[in-house]
Amino acid sequence: MVDNLANSEINLQRIAAVENCFGASGQPLAVSERVLVGEGILTKECRKKPKPRIFFLFNDILVYGTIVINKRKYNSQHIIPLEDVTLEVLPDTNQVKNRWMIKTSKKSFVVSAASLTERKEWIGHIEECVRQLLEKTGRQPTMDHAAPWIPDRATDICMRCTQTKFSTLTRRHHCRKCGFVVCGVCSKHRFLMPRLSTKPLRVCGLCYKQLLAEKEEEAEKERQKSEKFHLERPVYDPSSEEDSDKSDDDSEKAEQLPMGNEFYSSDVSWSAFHR
């Protein structure tokens, strides 16, 4: 069904309508073979509190944004490549039902649908689009996912030292590695994680130690690999003697080669290069 809609007039009109709703703040979405599979409002668990967000499922990307006027205007567009997506069903809480997690290598977050049926439909369609996309590209599913941020409201104290209480003056911070809510003292370190950002990111003390250990382990592997390469490489000892004319003089059968000006004026080429 999706393949039949590709490049059809109705599909192009639907995609154009989504682009118009995001306006100049959004990126162009009309690409050859791209199909709008479905759309709807889901509740996204944000840092402060759950908020409604508009979601658009295409056969290769998942797009979501903030609702300004429903079906007319959206902003804060986010685009997630589906080949980077893995889903995980989550249990209900007292406040939120029909939850599941959208996990990617750069960002992971929790959403919920209005009903169990809607959740099944969303998960089913997303997983089918991911399956078809991976089958087409030949890629393997992503196994390394970013940790979701634990909402601020989940704790009143630092989740690392368990001593610092948060207040108006004592801010909450999030470790970009584990997603824990931590105090400033417990997250004073920064670490470069190219998968997430080109700049060093805030991490808690525990994750900082783990990341350093992983980096040192990787450096040790590279050192051992380099040593093995040099050990296996043949070694050639240069001659300790100066170049001597004696062998040329003593050899009666030595070929007579041109010398001096004769060498430079010869029509014969004495060099060869292999291409």
C-alpha atoms as a PDB file:
ATOM      1  CA  MET A   1       0.000   0.000   0.000  1.00  0.00           C
ATOM      2  CA  VAL A   2       2.815   2.399   0.919  1.00  0.00           C
ATOM      3  CA  ASP A   3       4.716   1.724  -2.318  1.00  0.00           C
ATOM      4  CA  ASN A   4       1.570   2.359  -4.336  1.00  0.00           C
ATOM      5  CA  LEU A   5       1.206   5.823  -2.768  1.00  0.00           C
ATOM      6  CA  ALA A   6       4.770   6.910  -3.531  1.00  0.00           C
ATOM      7  CA  ASN A   7       4.794   9.937  -5.848  1.00  0.00           C
ATOM      8  CA  SER A   8       0.988   9.841  -6.129  1.00  0.00           C
ATOM      9  CA  GLU A   9      -0.906  13.123  -6.244  1.00  0.00           C
ATOM     10  CA  ILE A  10      -2.781  12.528  -2.984  1.00  0.00           C
ATOM     11  CA  ASN A  11       0.462  11.693  -1.143  1.00  0.00           C
ATOM     12  CA  LEU A  12       2.201  14.816  -2.465  1.00  0.00           C
ATOM     13  CA  GLN A  13      -0.751  16.930  -1.331  1.00  0.00           C
ATOM     14  CA  ARG A  14      -0.620  15.431   2.166  1.00  0.00           C
ATOM     15  CA  ILE A  15       3.110  16.097   2.488  1.00  0.00           C
ATOM     16  CA  ALA A  16       2.659  19.657   1.199  1.00  0.00           C
ATOM     17  CA  ALA A  17      -0.008  20.235   3.861  1.00  0.00           C
ATOM     18  CA  VAL A  18       2.413  19.138   6.596  1.00  0.00           C
ATOM     19  CA  GLU A  19       5.115  21.437   5.204  1.00  0.00           C
ATOM     20  CA  ASN A  20       2.655  24.351   5.176  1.00  0.00           C
ATOM     21  CA  CYS A  21       1.734  23.756   8.815  1.00  0.00           C
ATOM     22  CA  PHE A  22       5.389  24.018   9.874  1.00  0.00           C
ATOM     23  CA  GLY A  23       5.986  26.962   7.541  1.00  0.00           C
ATOM     24  CA  ALA A  24       9.407  28.563   7.291  1.00  0.00           C
ATOM     25  CA  SER A  25      10.478  27.047  10.632  1.00  0.00           C
ATOM     26  CA  GLY A  26      10.389  23.510   9.211  1.00  0.00           C
ATOM     27  CA  GLN A  27      12.524  21.631   6.732  1.00  0.00           C
ATOM     28  CA  PRO A  28      11.270  20.516   3.299  1.00  0.00           C
ATOM     29  CA  LEU A  29       9.712  17.046   3.517  1.00  0.00           C
ATOM     30  CA  ALA A  30       8.848  16.269  -0.092  1.00  0.00           C
ATOM     31  CA  VAL A  31      11.357  13.651  -1.261  1.00  0.00           C
ATOM     32  CA  SER A  32      11.047  11.055  -4.010  1.00  0.00           C
ATOM     33  CA  GLU A  33       9.545   7.750  -2.754  1.00  0.00           C
ATOM     34  CA  ARG A  34       8.593   9.292   0.613  1.00  0.00           C
ATOM     35  CA  VAL A  35       5.091   8.460   1.808  1.00  0.00           C
ATOM     36  CA  LEU A  36       3.089   9.927   4.672  1.00  0.00           C
ATOM     37  CA  VAL A  37       1.868   6.831   6.518  1.00  0.00           C
ATOM     38  CA  GLY A  38      -0.012   8.388   9.419  1.00  0.00           C
ATOM     39  CA  GLU A  39      -0.310  11.294  11.827  1.00  0.00           C
ATOM     40  CA  GLY A  40      -1.747  12.091  15.217  1.00  0.00           C
ATOM     41  CA  ILE A  41      -1.338  13.701  18.608  1.00  0.00           C
ATOM     42  CA  LEU A  42       0.693  11.872  21.235  1.00  0.00           C
ATOM     43  CA  THR A  43       1.676  12.933  24.738  1.00  0.00           C
ATOM     44  CA  LYS A  44       5.444  13.320  25.057  1.00  0.00           C
ATOM     45  CA  GLU A  45       7.000  13.095  28.507  1.00  0.00           C
ATOM     46  CA  CYS A  46       9.119  16.245  28.573  1.00  0.00           C
ATOM     47  CA  ARG A  47      11.568  17.412  31.222  1.00  0.00           C
ATOM     48  CA  LYS A  48       9.060  19.501  33.178  1.00  0.00           C
ATOM     49  CA  LYS A  49       5.794  17.686  32.465  1.00  0.00           C
ATOM     50  CA  PRO A  50       3.961  15.658  29.778  1.00  0.00           C
ATOM     51  CA  LYS A  51       2.955  17.767  26.780  1.00  0.00           C
ATOM     52  CA  PRO A  52       0.889  17.092  23.631  1.00  0.00           C
ATOM     53  CA  ARG A  53       2.905  16.914  20.411  1.00  0.00           C
ATOM     54  CA  ILE A  54       1.916  16.377  16.792  1.00  0.00           C
ATOM     55  CA  PHE A  55       3.583  13.345  15.167  1.00  0.00           C
ATOM     56  CA  PHE A  56       3.854  12.450  11.475  1.00  0.00           C
ATOM     57  CA  LEU A  57       5.000   8.988  10.441  1.00  0.00           C
ATOM     58  CA  PHE A  58       6.596   8.722   7.009  1.00  0.00           C
ATOM     59  CA  ASN A  59       8.002   5.530   5.526  1.00  0.00           C
ATOM     60  CA  ASP A  60      11.579   6.711   6.255  1.00  0.00           C
ATOM     61  CA  ILE A  61      11.346   9.365   8.984  1.00  0.00           C
ATOM     62  CA  LEU A  62       9.355  10.296  12.076  1.00  0.00           C
ATOM     63  CA  VAL A  63       8.547  13.999  12.421  1.00  0.00           C
ATOM     64  CA  TYR A  64       7.136  15.730  15.480  1.00  0.00           C
ATOM     65  CA  GLY A  65       6.605  19.274  16.659  1.00  0.00           C
ATOM     66  CA  THR A  66       4.832  21.648  19.011  1.00  0.00           C
ATOM     67  CA  ILE A  67       1.165  22.387  18.369  1.00  0.00           C
ATOM     68  CA  VAL A  68       0.354  26.092  17.954  1.00  0.00           C
ATOM     69  CA  ILE A  69      -3.008  25.697  16.204  1.00  0.00           C
ATOM     70  CA  ASN A  70      -4.029  22.102  15.566  1.00  0.00           C
ATOM     71  CA  LYS A  71      -4.047  21.149  11.867  1.00  0.00           C
ATOM     72  CA  ARG A  72      -2.999  24.683  10.968  1.00  0.00           C
ATOM     73  CA  LYS A  73       0.276  25.675  12.578  1.00  0.00           C
ATOM     74  CA  TYR A  74       3.156  23.771  14.208  1.00  0.00           C
ATOM     75  CA  ASN A  75       6.719  24.686  15.146  1.00  0.00           C
ATOM     76  CA  SER A  76       9.874  23.215  16.761  1.00  0.00           C
ATOM     77  CA  GLN A  77      10.122  20.546  14.078  1.00  0.00           C
ATOM     78  CA  HIS A  78      12.172  17.441  14.889  1.00  0.00           C
ATOM     79  CA  ILE A  79      13.084  14.776  12.322  1.00  0.00           C
ATOM     80  CA  ILE A  80      14.168  11.258  13.303  1.00  0.00           C
ATOM     81  CA  PRO A  81      15.469   8.764  10.682  1.00  0.00           C
ATOM     82  CA  LEU A  82      13.488   5.555  11.113  1.00  0.00           C
ATOM     83  CA  GLU A  83      16.520   3.346  10.489  1.00  0.00           C
ATOM     84  CA  ASP A  84      17.804   4.655  13.848  1.00  0.00           C
ATOM     85  CA  VAL A  85      14.589   3.873  15.770  1.00  0.00           C
ATOM     86  CA  THR A  86      13.832   1.081  18.231  1.00  0.00           C
ATOM     87  CA  LEU A  87      10.625   0.879  20.288  1.00  0.00           C
ATOM     88  CA  GLU A  88      10.019  -0.408  23.794  1.00  0.00           C
ATOM     89  CA  VAL A  89       6.577  -0.844  25.393  1.00  0.00           C
ATOM     90  CA  LEU A  90       6.402   0.545  28.942  1.00  0.00           C
ATOM     91  CA  PRO A  91       4.007  -0.171  31.826  1.00  0.00           C
ATOM     92  CA  ASP A  92       1.323   2.327  32.775  1.00  0.00           C
ATOM     93  CA  THR A  93       1.772   4.714  35.685  1.00  0.00           C
ATOM     94  CA  ASN A  94      -0.859   6.318  37.895  1.00  0.00           C
ATOM     95  CA  GLN A  95      -0.808   9.436  35.737  1.00  0.00           C
ATOM     96  CA  VAL A  96       0.026   8.172  32.231  1.00  0.00           C
ATOM     97  CA  LYS A  97      -1.237   5.165  30.271  1.00  0.00           C
ATOM     98  CA  ASN A  98      -0.477   3.489  26.941  1.00  0.00           C
ATOM     99  CA  ARG A  99       3.205   4.422  27.100  1.00  0.00           C
ATOM    100  CA  TRP A 100       6.158   3.380  24.971  1.00  0.00           C
ATOM    101  CA  MET A 101       9.696   4.583  24.432  1.00  0.00           C
ATOM    102  CA  ILE A 102      11.143   5.790  21.140  1.00  0.00           C
ATOM    103  CA  LYS A 103      14.867   5.029  21.312  1.00  0.00           C
ATOM    104  CA  THR A 104      17.525   6.427  18.956  1.00  0.00           C
ATOM    105  CA  SER A 105      21.291   6.862  19.103  1.00  0.00           C
ATOM    106  CA  LYS A 106      20.997  10.618  19.706  1.00  0.00           C
ATOM    107  CA  LYS A 107      17.839  10.962  21.796  1.00  0.00           C
ATOM    108  CA  SER A 108      15.330   8.682  23.499  1.00  0.00           C
ATOM    109  CA  PHE A 109      11.988   9.734  24.953  1.00  0.00           C
ATOM    110  CA  VAL A 110       8.652   8.379  26.178  1.00  0.00           C
ATOM    111  CA  VAL A 111       5.287   8.992  24.522  1.00  0.00           C
ATOM    112  CA  SER A 112       1.765   7.798  25.206  1.00  0.00           C
ATOM    113  CA  ALA A 113      -1.380   7.390  23.107  1.00  0.00           C
ATOM    114  CA  ALA A 114      -4.972   8.196  23.970  1.00  0.00           C
ATOM    115  CA  SER A 115      -5.934   4.517  23.902  1.00  0.00           C
ATOM    116  CA  LEU A 116      -4.390   1.066  23.853  1.00  0.00           C
ATOM    117  CA  THR A 117      -5.641   0.602  20.288  1.00  0.00           C
ATOM    118  CA  GLU A 118      -3.865   3.746  19.136  1.00  0.00           C
ATOM    119  CA  ARG A 119      -0.648   2.621  20.781  1.00  0.00           C
ATOM    120  CA  LYS A 120      -0.820  -0.731  18.988  1.00  0.00           C
ATOM    121  CA  GLU A 121      -1.432   1.029  15.671  1.00  0.00           C
ATOM    122  CA  TRP A 122       1.472   3.447  16.133  1.00  0.00           C
ATOM    123  CA  ILE A 123       3.903   0.744  17.220  1.00  0.00           C
ATOM    124  CA  GLY A 124       2.779  -1.643  14.483  1.00  0.00           C
ATOM    125  CA  HIS A 125       3.143   0.924  11.691  1.00  0.00           C
ATOM    126  CA  ILE A 126       6.477   2.265  12.949  1.00  0.00           C
ATOM    127  CA  GLU A 127       7.993  -1.193  13.300  1.00  0.00           C
ATOM    128  CA  GLU A 128       6.768  -2.210   9.845  1.00  0.00           C
ATOM    129  CA  CYS A 129       8.276   0.938   8.276  1.00  0.00           C
ATOM    130  CA  VAL A 130      11.571   0.309  10.106  1.00  0.00           C
ATOM    131  CA  ARG A 131      11.610  -3.324   8.956  1.00  0.00           C
ATOM    132  CA  GLN A 132      11.014  -2.418   5.308  1.00  0.00           C
ATOM    133  CA  LEU A 133      13.596   0.375   5.438  1.00  0.00           C
ATOM    134  CA  LEU A 134      16.318  -1.816   6.945  1.00  0.00           C
ATOM    135  CA  GLU A 135      15.509  -4.552   4.442  1.00  0.00           C
ATOM    136  CA  LYS A 136      15.873  -2.065   1.606  1.00  0.00           C
ATOM    137  CA  THR A 137      19.129  -0.511   2.856  1.00  0.00           C
ATOM    138  CA  GLY A 138      20.680  -3.710   4.179  1.00  0.00           C
ATOM    139  CA  ARG A 139      21.540  -2.062   7.490  1.00  0.00           C
ATOM    140  CA  GLN A 140      21.361  -3.725  10.890  1.00  0.00           C
ATOM    141  CA  PRO A 141      19.104  -2.359  13.665  1.00  0.00           C
ATOM    142  CA  THR A 142      20.750   0.199  15.949  1.00  0.00           C
ATOM    143  CA  MET A 143      21.731  -1.305  19.296  1.00  0.00           C
ATOM    144  CA  ASP A 144      23.386   1.726  20.919  1.00  0.00           C
ATOM    145  CA  HIS A 145      20.701   4.098  22.206  1.00  0.00           C
ATOM    146  CA  ALA A 146      20.798   7.375  24.099  1.00  0.00           C
ATOM    147  CA  ALA A 147      19.420   7.223  27.639  1.00  0.00           C
ATOM    148  CA  PRO A 148      16.057   8.969  28.136  1.00  0.00           C
ATOM    149  CA  TRP A 149      16.039  11.898  30.546  1.00  0.00           C
ATOM    150  CA  ILE A 150      14.273  11.210  33.812  1.00  0.00           C
ATOM    151  CA  PRO A 151      11.624  13.944  34.306  1.00  0.00           C
ATOM    152  CA  ASP A 152      12.405  16.653  36.860  1.00  0.00           C
ATOM    153  CA  ARG A 153       9.314  15.820  38.874  1.00  0.00           C
ATOM    154  CA  ALA A 154      10.531  12.255  39.459  1.00  0.00           C
ATOM    155  CA  THR A 155      12.853  13.272  42.291  1.00  0.00           C
ATOM    156  CA  ASP A 156      13.426  16.102  44.782  1.00  0.00           C
ATOM    157  CA  ILE A 157      17.015  15.080  45.541  1.00  0.00           C
ATOM    158  CA  CYS A 158      20.133  14.368  43.499  1.00  0.00           C
ATOM    159  CA  MET A 159      19.992  10.808  42.192  1.00  0.00           C
ATOM    160  CA  ARG A 160      23.761  10.366  42.632  1.00  0.00           C
ATOM    161  CA  CYS A 161      24.741  11.784  46.025  1.00  0.00           C
ATOM    162  CA  THR A 162      21.155  11.497  47.399  1.00  0.00           C
ATOM    163  CA  GLN A 163      22.012  14.414  49.705  1.00  0.00           C
ATOM    164  CA  THR A 164      21.407  17.596  47.742  1.00  0.00           C
ATOM    165  CA  LYS A 165      17.797  18.794  47.748  1.00  0.00           C
ATOM    166  CA  PHE A 166      16.585  20.723  44.746  1.00  0.00           C
ATOM    167  CA  SER A 167      15.023  24.153  45.187  1.00  0.00           C
ATOM    168  CA  THR A 168      14.619  27.443  43.385  1.00  0.00           C
ATOM    169  CA  LEU A 169      18.300  28.176  44.008  1.00  0.00           C
ATOM    170  CA  THR A 170      19.602  24.611  43.593  1.00  0.00           C
ATOM    171  CA  ARG A 171      18.947  23.628  40.001  1.00  0.00           C
ATOM    172  CA  ARG A 172      18.385  20.207  38.548  1.00  0.00           C
ATOM    173  CA  HIS A 173      20.746  18.970  35.843  1.00  0.00           C
ATOM    174  CA  HIS A 174      20.700  15.893  33.619  1.00  0.00           C
ATOM    175  CA  CYS A 175      23.598  13.570  32.895  1.00  0.00           C
ATOM    176  CA  ARG A 176      23.730  13.133  29.114  1.00  0.00           C
ATOM    177  CA  LYS A 177      25.019   9.577  29.494  1.00  0.00           C
ATOM    178  CA  CYS A 178      22.590   7.987  31.977  1.00  0.00           C
ATOM    179  CA  GLY A 179      19.765  10.570  32.004  1.00  0.00           C
ATOM    180  CA  PHE A 180      19.730  10.856  35.827  1.00  0.00           C
ATOM    181  CA  VAL A 181      18.620  14.062  37.559  1.00  0.00           C
ATOM    182  CA  VAL A 182      21.705  15.318  39.401  1.00  0.00           C
ATOM    183  CA  CYS A 183      23.024  18.347  41.255  1.00  0.00           C
ATOM    184  CA  GLY A 184      25.733  20.692  39.982  1.00  0.00           C
ATOM    185  CA  VAL A 185      28.467  19.180  42.163  1.00  0.00           C
ATOM    186  CA  CYS A 186      27.710  15.652  40.926  1.00  0.00           C
ATOM    187  CA  SER A 187      27.721  16.786  37.282  1.00  0.00           C
ATOM    188  CA  LYS A 188      30.722  19.117  37.127  1.00  0.00           C
ATOM    189  CA  HIS A 189      32.471  17.024  34.477  1.00  0.00           C
ATOM    190  CA  ARG A 190      32.178  17.357  30.702  1.00  0.00           C
ATOM    191  CA  PHE A 191      32.948  14.616  28.201  1.00  0.00           C
ATOM    192  CA  LEU A 192      32.998  14.545  24.409  1.00  0.00           C
ATOM    193  CA  MET A 193      30.508  12.029  23.025  1.00  0.00           C
ATOM    194  CA  PRO A 194      30.606  12.492  19.227  1.00  0.00           C
ATOM    195  CA  ARG A 195      27.484  10.365  18.782  1.00  0.00           C
ATOM    196  CA  LEU A 196      25.462  12.989  20.685  1.00  0.00           C
ATOM    197  CA  SER A 197      27.250  16.281  20.042  1.00  0.00           C
ATOM    198  CA  THR A 198      30.376  17.927  18.665  1.00  0.00           C
ATOM    199  CA  LYS A 199      30.887  19.645  22.032  1.00  0.00           C
ATOM    200  CA  PRO A 200      31.680  18.107  25.459  1.00  0.00           C
ATOM    201  CA  LEU A 201      28.473  17.378  27.376  1.00  0.00           C
ATOM    202  CA  ARG A 202      27.563  17.398  31.068  1.00  0.00           C
ATOM    203  CA  VAL A 203      27.906  13.990  32.715  1.00  0.00           C
ATOM    204  CA  CYS A 204      27.665  12.761  36.290  1.00  0.00           C
ATOM    205  CA  GLY A 205      30.752  11.637  38.198  1.00  0.00           C
ATOM    206  CA  LEU A 206      30.011   7.920  37.837  1.00  0.00           C
ATOM    207  CA  CYS A 207      29.473   8.103  34.081  1.00  0.00           C
ATOM    208  CA  TYR A 208      32.586  10.273  33.733  1.00  0.00           C
ATOM    209  CA  LYS A 209      34.717   7.533  35.330  1.00  0.00           C
ATOM    210  CA  GLN A 210      33.107   4.885  33.116  1.00  0.00           C
ATOM    211  CA  LEU A 211      33.665   6.962  29.972  1.00  0.00           C
ATOM    212  CA  LEU A 212      37.305   7.591  30.903  1.00  0.00           C
ATOM    213  CA  ALA A 213      37.842   3.870  31.505  1.00  0.00           C
ATOM    214  CA  GLU A 214      36.284   3.046  28.123  1.00  0.00           C
ATOM    215  CA  LYS A 215      38.473   5.640  26.416  1.00  0.00           C
ATOM    216  CA  GLU A 216      41.630   4.283  28.069  1.00  0.00           C
ATOM    217  CA  GLU A 217      40.646   0.721  27.148  1.00  0.00           C
ATOM    218  CA  GLU A 218      40.135   1.769  23.532  1.00  0.00           C
ATOM    219  CA  ALA A 219      43.499   3.563  23.507  1.00  0.00           C
ATOM    220  CA  GLU A 220      45.195   0.435  24.907  1.00  0.00           C
ATOM    221  CA  LYS A 221      43.649  -1.715  22.176  1.00  0.00           C
ATOM    222  CA  GLU A 222      44.920   0.707  19.532  1.00  0.00           C
ATOM    223  CA  ARG A 223      48.407   0.669  21.108  1.00  0.00           C
ATOM    224  CA  GLN A 224      48.495  -3.141  21.114  1.00  0.00           C
ATOM    225  CA  LYS A 225      47.263  -3.206  17.532  1.00  0.00           C
ATOM    226  CA  SER A 226      50.003  -0.781  16.503  1.00  0.00           C
ATOM    227  CA  GLU A 227      52.687  -2.816  18.318  1.00  0.00           C
ATOM    228  CA  LYS A 228      51.512  -6.008  16.640  1.00  0.00           C
ATOM    229  CA  PHE A 229      51.730  -4.325  13.238  1.00  0.00           C
ATOM    230  CA  HIS A 230      55.320  -3.212  13.830  1.00  0.00           C
ATOM    231  CA  LEU A 231      56.342  -6.620  15.210  1.00  0.00           C
ATOM    232  CA  GLU A 232      54.967  -8.453  12.188  1.00  0.00           C
ATOM    233  CA  ARG A 233      56.533  -6.030   9.742  1.00  0.00           C
ATOM    234  CA  PRO A 234      59.877  -7.248   8.258  1.00  0.00           C
ATOM    235  CA  VAL A 235      62.909  -5.261   9.385  1.00  0.00           C
ATOM    236  CA  TYR A 236      65.639  -4.348   6.913  1.00  0.00           C
ATOM    237  CA  ASP A 237      69.028  -3.339   8.348  1.00  0.00           C
ATOM    238  CA  PRO A 238      70.734  -0.633   6.308  1.00  0.00           C
ATOM    239  CA  SER A 239      74.374  -1.314   5.370  1.00  0.00           C
ATOM    240  CA  SER A 240      76.843   0.267   7.747  1.00  0.00           C
ATOM    241  CA  GLU A 241      79.484   0.564   5.038  1.00  0.00           C
ATOM    242  CA  GLU A 242      79.851   3.444   2.642  1.00  0.00           C
ATOM    243  CA  ASP A 243      79.058   2.927  -1.001  1.00  0.00           C
ATOM    244  CA  SER A 244      82.327   1.677  -2.494  1.00  0.00           C
ATOM    245  CA  ASP A 245      83.732   1.775  -6.012  1.00  0.00           C
ATOM    246  CA  LYS A 246      85.848  -1.293  -5.309  1.00  0.00           C
ATOM    247  CA  SER A 247      83.280  -3.816  -6.472  1.00  0.00           C
ATOM    248  CA  ASP A 248      82.887  -1.985  -9.757  1.00  0.00           C
ATOM    249  CA  ASP A 249      86.646  -1.851 -10.336  1.00  0.00           C
ATOM    250  CA  ASP A 250      87.218  -5.512  -9.446  1.00  0.00           C
ATOM    251  CA  SER A 251      84.465  -6.915 -11.619  1.00  0.00           C
ATOM    252  CA  GLU A 252      85.795  -7.731 -15.041  1.00  0.00           C
ATOM    253  CA  LYS A 253      82.335  -8.492 -16.290  1.00  0.00           C
ATOM    254  CA  ALA A 254      80.818  -5.244 -15.087  1.00  0.00           C
ATOM    255  CA  GLU A 255      78.751  -3.519 -17.726  1.00  0.00           C
ATOM    256  CA  GLN A 256      80.312  -0.339 -19.020  1.00  0.00           C
ATOM    257  CA  LEU A 257      78.003   2.479 -18.047  1.00  0.00           C
ATOM    258  CA  PRO A 258      78.224   6.088 -19.140  1.00  0.00           C
ATOM    259  CA  MET A 259      79.905   8.490 -16.733  1.00  0.00           C
ATOM    260  CA  GLY A 260      79.930  12.270 -16.312  1.00  0.00           C
ATOM    261  CA  ASN A 261      78.718  14.237 -19.310  1.00  0.00           C
ATOM    262  CA  GLU A 262      78.215  11.033 -21.240  1.00  0.00           C
ATOM    263  CA  PHE A 263      75.590   9.999 -18.688  1.00  0.00           C
ATOM    264  CA  TYR A 264      73.624  13.220 -19.103  1.00  0.00           C
ATOM    265  CA  SER A 265      73.892  13.322 -22.867  1.00  0.00           C
ATOM    266  CA  SER A 266      72.855   9.705 -23.380  1.00  0.00           C
ATOM    267  CA  ASP A 267      69.631   9.057 -25.267  1.00  0.00           C
ATOM    268  CA  VAL A 268      69.002   6.031 -23.069  1.00  0.00           C
ATOM    269  CA  SER A 269      66.638   6.304 -20.110  1.00  0.00           C
ATOM    270  CA  TRP A 270      68.141   4.891 -16.917  1.00  0.00           C
ATOM    271  CA  SER A 271      64.992   5.060 -14.793  1.00  0.00           C
ATOM    272  CA  ALA A 272      61.645   3.307 -14.828  1.00  0.00           C
ATOM    273  CA  PHE A 273      58.480   3.878 -12.846  1.00  0.00           C
ATOM    274  CA  HIS A 274      55.720   1.347 -12.382  1.00  0.00           C
ATOM    275  CA  ARG A 275      52.213   2.724 -12.815  1.00  0.00           C
END
